[in-house]
C-alpha atoms as a PDB file:
ATOM      1  CA  UNK A   1       1.210   7.653   5.456  1.00  0.00           C
ATOM      2  CA  UNK A   2       1.679   4.107   4.316  1.00  0.00           C
ATOM      3  CA  UNK A   3       0.502   4.921   0.788  1.00  0.00           C
ATOM      4  CA  UNK A   4       3.015   7.859   0.580  1.00  0.00           C
ATOM      5  CA  UNK A   5       5.781   5.653   1.857  1.00  0.00           C
ATOM      6  CA  UNK A   6       5.012   2.960  -0.755  1.00  0.00           C
ATOM      7  CA  UNK A   7       5.027   5.516  -3.547  1.00  0.00           C
ATOM      8  CA  UNK A   8       8.282   7.039  -2.211  1.00  0.00           C
ATOM      9  CA  UNK A   9       9.889   3.610  -1.903  1.00  0.00           C
ATOM     10  CA  UNK A  10       8.855   2.708  -5.537  1.00  0.00           C
ATOM     11  CA  UNK A  11      10.254   5.970  -6.816  1.00  0.00           C
ATOM     12  CA  UNK A  12      13.471   5.553  -4.883  1.00  0.00           C
ATOM     13  CA  UNK A  13      14.006   2.017  -6.215  1.00  0.00           C
ATOM     14  CA  UNK A  14      13.507   3.333  -9.729  1.00  0.00           C
ATOM     15  CA  UNK A  15      16.054   6.063  -9.145  1.00  0.00           C
ATOM     16  CA  UNK A  16      18.585   3.646  -7.674  1.00  0.00           C
ATOM     17  CA  UNK A  17      18.081   1.235 -10.622  1.00  0.00           C
ATOM     18  CA  UNK A  18      18.516   4.192 -13.120  1.00  0.00           C
ATOM     19  CA  UNK A  19      21.690   5.443 -11.522  1.00  0.00           C
ATOM     20  CA  UNK A  20      23.181   1.951 -11.400  1.00  0.00           C
ATOM     21  CA  UNK A  21      22.272   1.366 -15.081  1.00  0.00           C
ATOM     22  CA  UNK A  22      24.304   4.599 -15.990  1.00  0.00           C
ATOM     23  CA  UNK A  23      27.314   2.590 -14.816  1.00  0.00           C
ATOM     24  CA  UNK A  24      26.377  -0.607 -16.603  1.00  0.00           C
ATOM     25  CA  UNK A  25      24.966  -2.267 -13.592  1.00  0.00           C
ATOM     26  CA  UNK A  26      21.509  -3.605 -14.371  1.00  0.00           C
ATOM     27  CA  UNK A  27      18.876  -4.747 -11.789  1.00  0.00           C
ATOM     28  CA  UNK A  28      15.572  -6.323 -12.795  1.00  0.00           C
ATOM     29  CA  UNK A  29      12.391  -4.482 -11.973  1.00  0.00           C
ATOM     30  CA  UNK A  30      10.968  -5.388  -8.583  1.00  0.00           C
ATOM     31  CA  UNK A  31      11.599  -4.820  -4.888  1.00  0.00           C
ATOM     32  CA  UNK A  32      13.006  -8.266  -4.144  1.00  0.00           C
ATOM     33  CA  UNK A  33      15.658  -7.992  -6.795  1.00  0.00           C
ATOM     34  CA  UNK A  34      16.593  -4.493  -5.691  1.00  0.00           C
ATOM     35  CA  UNK A  35      16.915  -5.431  -2.037  1.00  0.00           C
ATOM     36  CA  UNK A  36      18.924  -8.492  -2.906  1.00  0.00           C
ATOM     37  CA  UNK A  37      21.284  -7.159  -5.530  1.00  0.00           C
ATOM     38  CA  UNK A  38      21.995  -3.463  -4.619  1.00  0.00           C
ATOM     39  CA  UNK A  39      24.067  -4.416  -1.518  1.00  0.00           C
ATOM     40  CA  UNK A  40      26.221  -6.721  -3.558  1.00  0.00           C
ATOM     41  CA  UNK A  41      26.785  -4.089  -6.212  1.00  0.00           C
ATOM     42  CA  UNK A  42      27.720  -1.497  -3.573  1.00  0.00           C
ATOM     43  CA  UNK A  43      30.301  -3.853  -1.854  1.00  0.00           C
ATOM     44  CA  UNK A  44      31.747  -5.196  -5.148  1.00  0.00           C
ATOM     45  CA  UNK A  45      35.126  -3.315  -5.632  1.00  0.00           C
ATOM     46  CA  UNK A  46      35.525  -4.768  -9.123  1.00  0.00           C
ATOM     47  CA  UNK A  47      32.549  -2.878 -10.707  1.00  0.00           C
ATOM     48  CA  UNK A  48      33.242   0.512 -12.117  1.00  0.00           C
ATOM     49  CA  UNK A  49      31.000   2.358  -9.775  1.00  0.00           C
ATOM     50  CA  UNK A  50      32.716   5.582  -8.692  1.00  0.00           C
ATOM     51  CA  UNK A  51      33.165   6.177  -4.972  1.00  0.00           C
ATOM     52  CA  UNK A  52      30.915   9.256  -4.985  1.00  0.00           C
ATOM     53  CA  UNK A  53      28.109   7.294  -6.674  1.00  0.00           C
ATOM     54  CA  UNK A  54      28.666   4.311  -4.396  1.00  0.00           C
ATOM     55  CA  UNK A  55      28.304   6.547  -1.260  1.00  0.00           C
ATOM     56  CA  UNK A  56      25.187   8.301  -2.588  1.00  0.00           C
ATOM     57  CA  UNK A  57      23.637   4.946  -3.561  1.00  0.00           C
ATOM     58  CA  UNK A  58      24.514   3.543  -0.132  1.00  0.00           C
ATOM     59  CA  UNK A  59      22.658   6.451   1.534  1.00  0.00           C
ATOM     60  CA  UNK A  60      19.686   5.978  -0.815  1.00  0.00           C
ATOM     61  CA  UNK A  61      19.631   2.225  -0.035  1.00  0.00           C
ATOM     62  CA  UNK A  62      19.542   2.922   3.694  1.00  0.00           C
ATOM     63  CA  UNK A  63      16.637   5.299   3.173  1.00  0.00           C
ATOM     64  CA  UNK A  64      14.945   2.478   1.087  1.00  0.00           C
ATOM     65  CA  UNK A  65      15.391   0.109   3.964  1.00  0.00           C
ATOM     66  CA  UNK A  66      13.944   2.699   6.426  1.00  0.00           C
ATOM     67  CA  UNK A  67      10.903   3.182   4.164  1.00  0.00           C
ATOM     68  CA  UNK A  68      10.336  -0.560   3.990  1.00  0.00           C
ATOM     69  CA  UNK A  69      10.609  -0.769   7.749  1.00  0.00           C
ATOM     70  CA  UNK A  70       8.056   2.040   8.187  1.00  0.00           C
ATOM     71  CA  UNK A  71       5.652   0.232   5.808  1.00  0.00           C
ATOM     72  CA  UNK A  72       6.065  -3.022   7.652  1.00  0.00           C
ATOM     73  CA  UNK A  73       5.492  -1.386  11.021  1.00  0.00           C
ATOM     74  CA  UNK A  74       2.274   0.225   9.734  1.00  0.00           C
ATOM     75  CA  UNK A  75       1.023  -3.055   8.427  1.00  0.00           C
ATOM     76  CA  UNK A  76       1.792  -4.775  11.756  1.00  0.00           C
ATOM     77  CA  UNK A  77      -0.125  -2.069  13.548  1.00  0.00           C
ATOM     78  CA  UNK A  78      -3.190  -2.344  11.310  1.00  0.00           C
ATOM     79  CA  UNK A  79      -3.106  -6.203  11.683  1.00  0.00           C
ATOM     80  CA  UNK A  80      -2.886  -5.989  15.399  1.00  0.00           C
ATOM     81  CA  UNK A  81      -5.796  -3.579  15.628  1.00  0.00           C
ATOM     82  CA  UNK A  82      -7.791  -5.832  13.252  1.00  0.00           C
ATOM     83  CA  UNK A  83      -7.260  -8.752  15.585  1.00  0.00           C
ATOM     84  CA  UNK A  84      -8.726  -6.961  18.536  1.00  0.00           C
ATOM     85  CA  UNK A  85     -11.525  -4.926  16.949  1.00  0.00           C
ATOM     86  CA  UNK A  86     -14.706  -6.891  16.330  1.00  0.00           C
ATOM     87  CA  UNK A  87     -16.015  -4.067  14.178  1.00  0.00           C
ATOM     88  CA  UNK A  88     -12.959  -4.158  11.873  1.00  0.00           C
ATOM     89  CA  UNK A  89     -13.328  -7.967  11.702  1.00  0.00           C
ATOM     90  CA  UNK A  90     -16.942  -7.650  10.632  1.00  0.00           C
ATOM     91  CA  UNK A  91     -16.039  -5.034   7.895  1.00  0.00           C
ATOM     92  CA  UNK A  92     -13.184  -7.339   6.700  1.00  0.00           C
ATOM     93  CA  UNK A  93     -15.759 -10.031   5.789  1.00  0.00           C
ATOM     94  CA  UNK A  94     -16.628  -8.005   2.778  1.00  0.00           C
ATOM     95  CA  UNK A  95     -14.557  -9.425  -0.108  1.00  0.00           C
ATOM     96  CA  UNK A  96     -11.598  -7.231  -0.988  1.00  0.00           C
ATOM     97  CA  UNK A  97     -11.425  -5.351   2.263  1.00  0.00           C
ATOM     98  CA  UNK A  98      -8.399  -5.806   4.438  1.00  0.00           C
ATOM     99  CA  UNK A  99      -7.338  -4.358   7.749  1.00  0.00           C
ATOM    100  CA  UNK A 100      -6.299  -0.948   6.496  1.00  0.00           C
ATOM    101  CA  UNK A 101      -9.535  -0.333   4.459  1.00  0.00           C
ATOM    102  CA  UNK A 102     -11.671  -1.751   7.267  1.00  0.00           C
ATOM    103  CA  UNK A 103     -10.005   0.529   9.841  1.00  0.00           C
ATOM    104  CA  UNK A 104     -10.496   3.567   7.562  1.00  0.00           C
ATOM    105  CA  UNK A 105     -14.185   2.660   7.099  1.00  0.00           C
ATOM    106  CA  UNK A 106     -14.614   2.271  10.871  1.00  0.00           C
ATOM    107  CA  UNK A 107     -12.917   5.647  11.416  1.00  0.00           C
ATOM    108  CA  UNK A 108     -15.185   7.364   8.957  1.00  0.00           C
ATOM    109  CA  UNK A 109     -18.505   5.968  10.122  1.00  0.00           C
ATOM    110  CA  UNK A 110     -17.825   5.927  13.903  1.00  0.00           C
ATOM    111  CA  UNK A 111     -20.749   4.046  15.351  1.00  0.00           C
ATOM    112  CA  UNK A 112     -23.046   4.423  12.379  1.00  0.00           C
ATOM    113  CA  UNK A 113     -25.599   6.551  14.181  1.00  0.00           C
ATOM    114  CA  UNK A 114     -25.696   9.056  11.361  1.00  0.00           C
ATOM    115  CA  UNK A 115     -27.374   6.465   9.106  1.00  0.00           C
ATOM    116  CA  UNK A 116     -31.148   6.148   9.375  1.00  0.00           C
ATOM    117  CA  UNK A 117     -31.245   2.548   8.296  1.00  0.00           C
ATOM    118  CA  UNK A 118     -28.851  -0.331   7.626  1.00  0.00           C
ATOM    119  CA  UNK A 119     -28.650   0.061   3.875  1.00  0.00           C
ATOM    120  CA  UNK A 120     -27.787   3.813   4.113  1.00  0.00           C
ATOM    121  CA  UNK A 121     -24.389   3.014   5.464  1.00  0.00           C
ATOM    122  CA  UNK A 122     -23.684   0.448   2.770  1.00  0.00           C
ATOM    123  CA  UNK A 123     -24.881   2.881   0.028  1.00  0.00           C
ATOM    124  CA  UNK A 124     -22.680   5.624   1.471  1.00  0.00           C
ATOM    125  CA  UNK A 125     -19.621   3.433   1.087  1.00  0.00           C
ATOM    126  CA  UNK A 126     -20.820   1.761  -2.122  1.00  0.00           C
ATOM    127  CA  UNK A 127     -20.813  -1.612  -0.481  1.00  0.00           C
ATOM    128  CA  UNK A 128     -24.004  -2.796  -2.113  1.00  0.00           C
ATOM    129  CA  UNK A 129     -25.000  -6.276  -3.060  1.00  0.00           C
ATOM    130  CA  UNK A 130     -24.810  -6.556  -6.851  1.00  0.00           C
ATOM    131  CA  UNK A 131     -28.243  -8.167  -7.091  1.00  0.00           C
ATOM    132  CA  UNK A 132     -29.845  -5.292  -5.087  1.00  0.00           C
ATOM    133  CA  UNK A 133     -27.901  -2.773  -7.203  1.00  0.00           C
ATOM    134  CA  UNK A 134     -29.134  -4.272 -10.450  1.00  0.00           C
ATOM    135  CA  UNK A 135     -32.720  -4.600  -9.208  1.00  0.00           C
ATOM    136  CA  UNK A 136     -32.682  -0.933  -8.055  1.00  0.00           C
ATOM    137  CA  UNK A 137     -31.464   0.105 -11.548  1.00  0.00           C
ATOM    138  CA  UNK A 138     -34.162  -1.806 -13.341  1.00  0.00           C
ATOM    139  CA  UNK A 139     -36.957  -0.441 -11.156  1.00  0.00           C
ATOM    140  CA  UNK A 140     -35.737   3.091 -11.402  1.00  0.00           C
ATOM    141  CA  UNK A 141     -33.425   3.717 -14.417  1.00  0.00           C
ATOM    142  CA  UNK A 142     -32.627   7.265 -13.267  1.00  0.00           C
ATOM    143  CA  UNK A 143     -31.261   6.047  -9.928  1.00  0.00           C
ATOM    144  CA  UNK A 144     -27.508   6.374  -9.674  1.00  0.00           C
ATOM    145  CA  UNK A 145     -26.220   3.235  -7.899  1.00  0.00           C
END
C-alpha cells in the first residue's frame, strides 16, 4: 500500500503544480516546496486564481496531506515492528535493507524451514556474498548467479 500511496502522492503533487502553473503560479519540483507553498497560494487573495480552481486545489491539497499521513503511519508501523522483531533486525544487517524490505522478506520465508541449507535461502533472495558469487561463476560459467 505504501508504494501505491507514494506514487499517488507524487502524481497528485505534479497535477497540483501543473494546474497552478496554468495560472502563472510556479512551484519548484519537490514535496517540501509543494507542502510549503501551496497553502500560501491558496490563501493569497491577490493572485489570479479563480475560486473554482482554488476550491479544487484546496481539496486536492487535503488529499495530498492525507496521503502523506498514510505513508508516515505505515513507516511508523514498520519501524515499530522492526524494533521488536529480532528476525527483522537480523535481516536489516544486510546493507541496503530497511524495515519494510526486511519485514517483506520475513513474511515470504516464514521460519525458513523450506530451505535445505543456509545458503539456499540467500540464493533464493539473491542475497549472496559477491566473493562467493564470483567464485561460483568462475568454477561453473553456465551457473546463473
